[in-house]
Amino acid sequence: MSFDQPDIGTIDGSRFSCLIVAASYNSTLADTLLARTVERLTASGMPSDQIEVLRVPGSNEVPYAIQLGIETGNFDVCIGLGVLIRGDTIHYNVIAQSAGDALQTVALKNRTPVVNGILVAENLEQAEHRIIGDVNRGSEFAECALQLASLRKEREAAK
């Protein structure tokens, strides 16, 4: 994972709505990732009542919940959050691949941007560094969502 963060400028989030589906597994880190994501969205001007948060057990359940949310037609963009840390087996990698593929499929099928904010780490130290340390992936995921929501609105307006 790169530490080079894109500079997307400032995007006014006041005109967007966002669904965030966050896995509960690895709850301390997942809760912080969620809080930092919401913090950045609201700092952009997105009203808190335009941000809906759903919790699911694990990262594998995130795409399904996002699909349900998209079907309401209430959201300009969605963010899937989770924290996967390597254990004794490669199960974390299987879940990361499966969830990532499913999130992309949901986005393309529904023509709604979906940000893959499922953080995958080799160990707890890596995960902590990217969530509560020097790297603020929650903010990055929120900024990506703002950029995609803006792109979507621009393209819809151009039709």
C-alpha atoms as a PDB file:
ATOM      1  CA  MET A   1       0.000   0.000   0.000  1.00  0.00           C
ATOM      2  CA  SER A   2       1.421   3.338  -1.032  1.00  0.00           C
ATOM      3  CA  PHE A   3       2.010   6.174   1.393  1.00  0.00           C
ATOM      4  CA  ASP A   4       1.815   8.724  -1.428  1.00  0.00           C
ATOM      5  CA  GLN A   5      -1.522  10.468  -0.956  1.00  0.00           C
ATOM      6  CA  PRO A   6      -3.316  12.060  -3.909  1.00  0.00           C
ATOM      7  CA  ASP A   7      -4.013  15.781  -3.811  1.00  0.00           C
ATOM      8  CA  ILE A   8      -7.616  16.167  -4.919  1.00  0.00           C
ATOM      9  CA  GLY A   9      -8.131  19.692  -3.671  1.00  0.00           C
ATOM     10  CA  THR A  10     -11.109  20.773  -1.659  1.00  0.00           C
ATOM     11  CA  ILE A  11     -14.505  19.350  -2.532  1.00  0.00           C
ATOM     12  CA  ASP A  12     -17.677  20.757  -1.015  1.00  0.00           C
ATOM     13  CA  GLY A  13     -19.539  17.755   0.317  1.00  0.00           C
ATOM     14  CA  SER A  14     -22.711  19.632   1.230  1.00  0.00           C
ATOM     15  CA  ARG A  15     -24.603  18.399  -1.830  1.00  0.00           C
ATOM     16  CA  PHE A  16     -23.813  14.699  -1.416  1.00  0.00           C
ATOM     17  CA  SER A  17     -25.197  11.766   0.524  1.00  0.00           C
ATOM     18  CA  CYS A  18     -23.095   8.805   1.577  1.00  0.00           C
ATOM     19  CA  LEU A  19     -23.701   5.297   2.849  1.00  0.00           C
ATOM     20  CA  ILE A  20     -20.916   3.803   4.931  1.00  0.00           C
ATOM     21  CA  VAL A  21     -21.029   0.097   5.671  1.00  0.00           C
ATOM     22  CA  ALA A  22     -18.470  -0.854   8.306  1.00  0.00           C
ATOM     23  CA  ALA A  23     -17.456  -4.298   9.467  1.00  0.00           C
ATOM     24  CA  SER A  24     -17.414  -4.841  13.222  1.00  0.00           C
ATOM     25  CA  TYR A  25     -14.584  -7.371  13.253  1.00  0.00           C
ATOM     26  CA  ASN A  26     -11.363  -5.941  14.763  1.00  0.00           C
ATOM     27  CA  SER A  27     -13.729  -3.488  16.419  1.00  0.00           C
ATOM     28  CA  THR A  28     -11.300  -1.038  18.026  1.00  0.00           C
ATOM     29  CA  LEU A  29      -9.552  -0.346  14.738  1.00  0.00           C
ATOM     30  CA  ALA A  30     -12.763  -0.552  12.686  1.00  0.00           C
ATOM     31  CA  ASP A  31     -14.449   1.984  14.971  1.00  0.00           C
ATOM     32  CA  THR A  32     -11.533   4.405  14.608  1.00  0.00           C
ATOM     33  CA  LEU A  33     -11.469   3.935  10.831  1.00  0.00           C
ATOM     34  CA  LEU A  34     -15.183   4.707  10.719  1.00  0.00           C
ATOM     35  CA  ALA A  35     -14.842   7.764  12.976  1.00  0.00           C
ATOM     36  CA  ARG A  36     -12.027   9.216  10.865  1.00  0.00           C
ATOM     37  CA  THR A  37     -13.991   8.639   7.679  1.00  0.00           C
ATOM     38  CA  VAL A  38     -17.100  10.359   9.036  1.00  0.00           C
ATOM     39  CA  GLU A  39     -14.970  13.178  10.461  1.00  0.00           C
ATOM     40  CA  ARG A  40     -13.527  13.966   7.030  1.00  0.00           C
ATOM     41  CA  LEU A  41     -16.916  13.797   5.311  1.00  0.00           C
ATOM     42  CA  THR A  42     -18.484  16.224   7.779  1.00  0.00           C
ATOM     43  CA  ALA A  43     -15.423  18.495   7.561  1.00  0.00           C
ATOM     44  CA  SER A  44     -16.126  18.738   3.815  1.00  0.00           C
ATOM     45  CA  GLY A  45     -19.568  20.144   4.592  1.00  0.00           C
ATOM     46  CA  MET A  46     -21.553  16.929   4.205  1.00  0.00           C
ATOM     47  CA  PRO A  47     -24.439  17.159   6.683  1.00  0.00           C
ATOM     48  CA  SER A  48     -24.402  14.372   9.262  1.00  0.00           C
ATOM     49  CA  ASP A  49     -28.000  13.513   8.355  1.00  0.00           C
ATOM     50  CA  GLN A  50     -26.754  12.773   4.812  1.00  0.00           C
ATOM     51  CA  ILE A  51     -24.380  10.096   6.136  1.00  0.00           C
ATOM     52  CA  GLU A  52     -25.904   6.737   6.962  1.00  0.00           C
ATOM     53  CA  VAL A  53     -23.813   4.148   8.773  1.00  0.00           C
ATOM     54  CA  LEU A  54     -24.624   0.454   8.774  1.00  0.00           C
ATOM     55  CA  ARG A  55     -22.638  -2.103  10.750  1.00  0.00           C
ATOM     56  CA  VAL A  56     -22.170  -5.696   9.626  1.00  0.00           C
ATOM     57  CA  PRO A  57     -20.270  -8.556  11.274  1.00  0.00           C
ATOM     58  CA  GLY A  58     -17.273  -8.738   8.940  1.00  0.00           C
ATOM     59  CA  SER A  59     -15.754  -7.471   5.717  1.00  0.00           C
ATOM     60  CA  ASN A  60     -17.291 -10.264   3.679  1.00  0.00           C
ATOM     61  CA  GLU A  61     -20.766  -8.912   4.499  1.00  0.00           C
ATOM     62  CA  VAL A  62     -19.981  -5.324   3.443  1.00  0.00           C
ATOM     63  CA  PRO A  63     -20.804  -5.688  -0.288  1.00  0.00           C
ATOM     64  CA  TYR A  64     -24.240  -7.184   0.397  1.00  0.00           C
ATOM     65  CA  ALA A  65     -25.206  -4.343   2.736  1.00  0.00           C
ATOM     66  CA  ILE A  66     -23.951  -1.772   0.218  1.00  0.00           C
ATOM     67  CA  GLN A  67     -26.049  -3.429  -2.494  1.00  0.00           C
ATOM     68  CA  LEU A  68     -29.128  -3.090  -0.257  1.00  0.00           C
ATOM     69  CA  GLY A  69     -28.323   0.570   0.393  1.00  0.00           C
ATOM     70  CA  ILE A  70     -27.785   1.404  -3.263  1.00  0.00           C
ATOM     71  CA  GLU A  71     -31.145  -0.126  -4.128  1.00  0.00           C
ATOM     72  CA  THR A  72     -32.861   2.604  -2.066  1.00  0.00           C
ATOM     73  CA  GLY A  73     -31.575   5.264  -4.477  1.00  0.00           C
ATOM     74  CA  ASN A  74     -30.716   7.516  -1.524  1.00  0.00           C
ATOM     75  CA  PHE A  75     -26.933   7.730  -1.903  1.00  0.00           C
ATOM     76  CA  ASP A  76     -24.495   9.472  -4.233  1.00  0.00           C
ATOM     77  CA  VAL A  77     -21.580   7.346  -3.060  1.00  0.00           C
ATOM     78  CA  CYS A  78     -20.889   4.416  -0.753  1.00  0.00           C
ATOM     79  CA  ILE A  79     -17.875   3.443   1.326  1.00  0.00           C
ATOM     80  CA  GLY A  80     -17.177  -0.063   2.551  1.00  0.00           C
ATOM     81  CA  LEU A  81     -14.913  -0.227   5.603  1.00  0.00           C
ATOM     82  CA  GLY A  82     -13.217  -3.136   7.286  1.00  0.00           C
ATOM     83  CA  VAL A  83      -9.977  -4.253   8.876  1.00  0.00           C
ATOM     84  CA  LEU A  84      -8.421  -7.561   7.859  1.00  0.00           C
ATOM     85  CA  ILE A  85      -5.272  -8.713   9.625  1.00  0.00           C
ATOM     86  CA  ARG A  86      -3.278 -11.785   8.678  1.00  0.00           C
ATOM     87  CA  GLY A  87      -3.649 -14.696  11.067  1.00  0.00           C
ATOM     88  CA  ASP A  88      -2.248 -18.212  10.936  1.00  0.00           C
ATOM     89  CA  THR A  89      -3.845 -18.896   7.545  1.00  0.00           C
ATOM     90  CA  ILE A  90      -4.541 -16.961   4.349  1.00  0.00           C
ATOM     91  CA  HIS A  91      -8.237 -16.567   5.190  1.00  0.00           C
ATOM     92  CA  TYR A  92      -7.778 -12.781   5.457  1.00  0.00           C
ATOM     93  CA  ASN A  93      -6.529 -12.731   1.865  1.00  0.00           C
ATOM     94  CA  VAL A  94      -9.495 -14.768   0.615  1.00  0.00           C
ATOM     95  CA  ILE A  95     -11.919 -12.357   2.312  1.00  0.00           C
ATOM     96  CA  ALA A  96     -10.032  -9.300   0.999  1.00  0.00           C
ATOM     97  CA  GLN A  97     -10.122 -10.576  -2.579  1.00  0.00           C
ATOM     98  CA  SER A  98     -13.743 -11.674  -2.416  1.00  0.00           C
ATOM     99  CA  ALA A  99     -15.001  -8.468  -0.804  1.00  0.00           C
ATOM    100  CA  GLY A 100     -12.964  -6.276  -3.156  1.00  0.00           C
ATOM    101  CA  ASP A 101     -14.280  -8.054  -6.231  1.00  0.00           C
ATOM    102  CA  ALA A 102     -17.843  -7.858  -4.929  1.00  0.00           C
ATOM    103  CA  LEU A 103     -17.582  -4.136  -4.146  1.00  0.00           C
ATOM    104  CA  GLN A 104     -16.373  -3.454  -7.690  1.00  0.00           C
ATOM    105  CA  THR A 105     -19.190  -5.560  -9.126  1.00  0.00           C
ATOM    106  CA  VAL A 106     -21.798  -3.708  -7.048  1.00  0.00           C
ATOM    107  CA  ALA A 107     -20.422  -0.345  -8.167  1.00  0.00           C
ATOM    108  CA  LEU A 108     -20.376  -1.209 -11.858  1.00  0.00           C
ATOM    109  CA  LYS A 109     -23.718  -3.024 -11.846  1.00  0.00           C
ATOM    110  CA  ASN A 110     -25.498  -0.134 -10.142  1.00  0.00           C
ATOM    111  CA  ARG A 111     -23.518   2.743 -11.672  1.00  0.00           C
ATOM    112  CA  THR A 112     -22.906   4.077  -8.177  1.00  0.00           C
ATOM    113  CA  PRO A 113     -19.406   4.761  -6.879  1.00  0.00           C
ATOM    114  CA  VAL A 114     -18.265   2.431  -4.114  1.00  0.00           C
ATOM    115  CA  VAL A 115     -15.002   3.045  -2.282  1.00  0.00           C
ATOM    116  CA  ASN A 116     -13.163  -0.071  -1.125  1.00  0.00           C
ATOM    117  CA  GLY A 117     -12.037   0.963   2.342  1.00  0.00           C
ATOM    118  CA  ILE A 118     -11.274  -2.535   3.530  1.00  0.00           C
ATOM    119  CA  LEU A 119      -7.813  -2.215   4.972  1.00  0.00           C
ATOM    120  CA  VAL A 120      -5.646  -5.343   4.670  1.00  0.00           C
ATOM    121  CA  ALA A 121      -2.567  -5.690   6.861  1.00  0.00           C
ATOM    122  CA  GLU A 122       0.041  -8.334   7.557  1.00  0.00           C
ATOM    123  CA  ASN A 123      -0.037  -7.617  11.302  1.00  0.00           C
ATOM    124  CA  LEU A 124      -1.622  -5.464  13.994  1.00  0.00           C
ATOM    125  CA  GLU A 125       1.221  -2.938  13.893  1.00  0.00           C
ATOM    126  CA  GLN A 126       0.664  -2.277  10.174  1.00  0.00           C
ATOM    127  CA  ALA A 127      -3.074  -1.866  10.696  1.00  0.00           C
ATOM    128  CA  GLU A 128      -2.585   0.517  13.607  1.00  0.00           C
ATOM    129  CA  HIS A 129      -0.089   2.608  11.614  1.00  0.00           C
ATOM    130  CA  ARG A 130      -2.627   3.033   8.801  1.00  0.00           C
ATOM    131  CA  ILE A 131      -5.602   3.784  11.028  1.00  0.00           C
ATOM    132  CA  ILE A 132      -4.451   5.425  14.256  1.00  0.00           C
ATOM    133  CA  GLY A 133      -0.854   6.241  13.370  1.00  0.00           C
ATOM    134  CA  ASP A 134       0.795   8.562  10.879  1.00  0.00           C
ATOM    135  CA  VAL A 135      -1.409   7.421   7.992  1.00  0.00           C
ATOM    136  CA  ASN A 136      -5.101   8.358   8.089  1.00  0.00           C
ATOM    137  CA  ARG A 137      -6.722   5.932   5.676  1.00  0.00           C
ATOM    138  CA  GLY A 138     -10.202   6.894   6.921  1.00  0.00           C
ATOM    139  CA  SER A 139      -9.686  10.429   5.681  1.00  0.00           C
ATOM    140  CA  GLU A 140      -8.304   9.128   2.385  1.00  0.00           C
ATOM    141  CA  PHE A 141     -11.334   6.883   1.848  1.00  0.00           C
ATOM    142  CA  ALA A 142     -13.634   9.844   2.544  1.00  0.00           C
ATOM    143  CA  GLU A 143     -11.744  12.072   0.110  1.00  0.00           C
ATOM    144  CA  CYS A 144     -11.962   9.398  -2.567  1.00  0.00           C
ATOM    145  CA  ALA A 145     -15.726   9.194  -1.982  1.00  0.00           C
ATOM    146  CA  LEU A 146     -16.063  12.966  -2.303  1.00  0.00           C
ATOM    147  CA  GLN A 147     -14.138  12.969  -5.567  1.00  0.00           C
ATOM    148  CA  LEU A 148     -16.249  10.151  -7.012  1.00  0.00           C
ATOM    149  CA  ALA A 149     -19.526  11.722  -5.869  1.00  0.00           C
ATOM    150  CA  SER A 150     -18.460  14.981  -7.508  1.00  0.00           C
ATOM    151  CA  LEU A 151     -17.527  13.195 -10.734  1.00  0.00           C
ATOM    152  CA  ARG A 152     -20.867  11.413 -10.759  1.00  0.00           C
ATOM    153  CA  LYS A 153     -22.820  14.666 -10.273  1.00  0.00           C
ATOM    154  CA  GLU A 154     -20.818  16.377 -13.021  1.00  0.00           C
ATOM    155  CA  ARG A 155     -21.506  13.547 -15.484  1.00  0.00           C
ATOM    156  CA  GLU A 156     -25.208  13.430 -14.599  1.00  0.00           C
ATOM    157  CA  ALA A 157     -25.473  17.199 -15.112  1.00  0.00           C
ATOM    158  CA  ALA A 158     -23.774  16.924 -18.501  1.00  0.00           C
ATOM    159  CA  LYS A 159     -26.393  14.468 -19.830  1.00  0.00           C
END
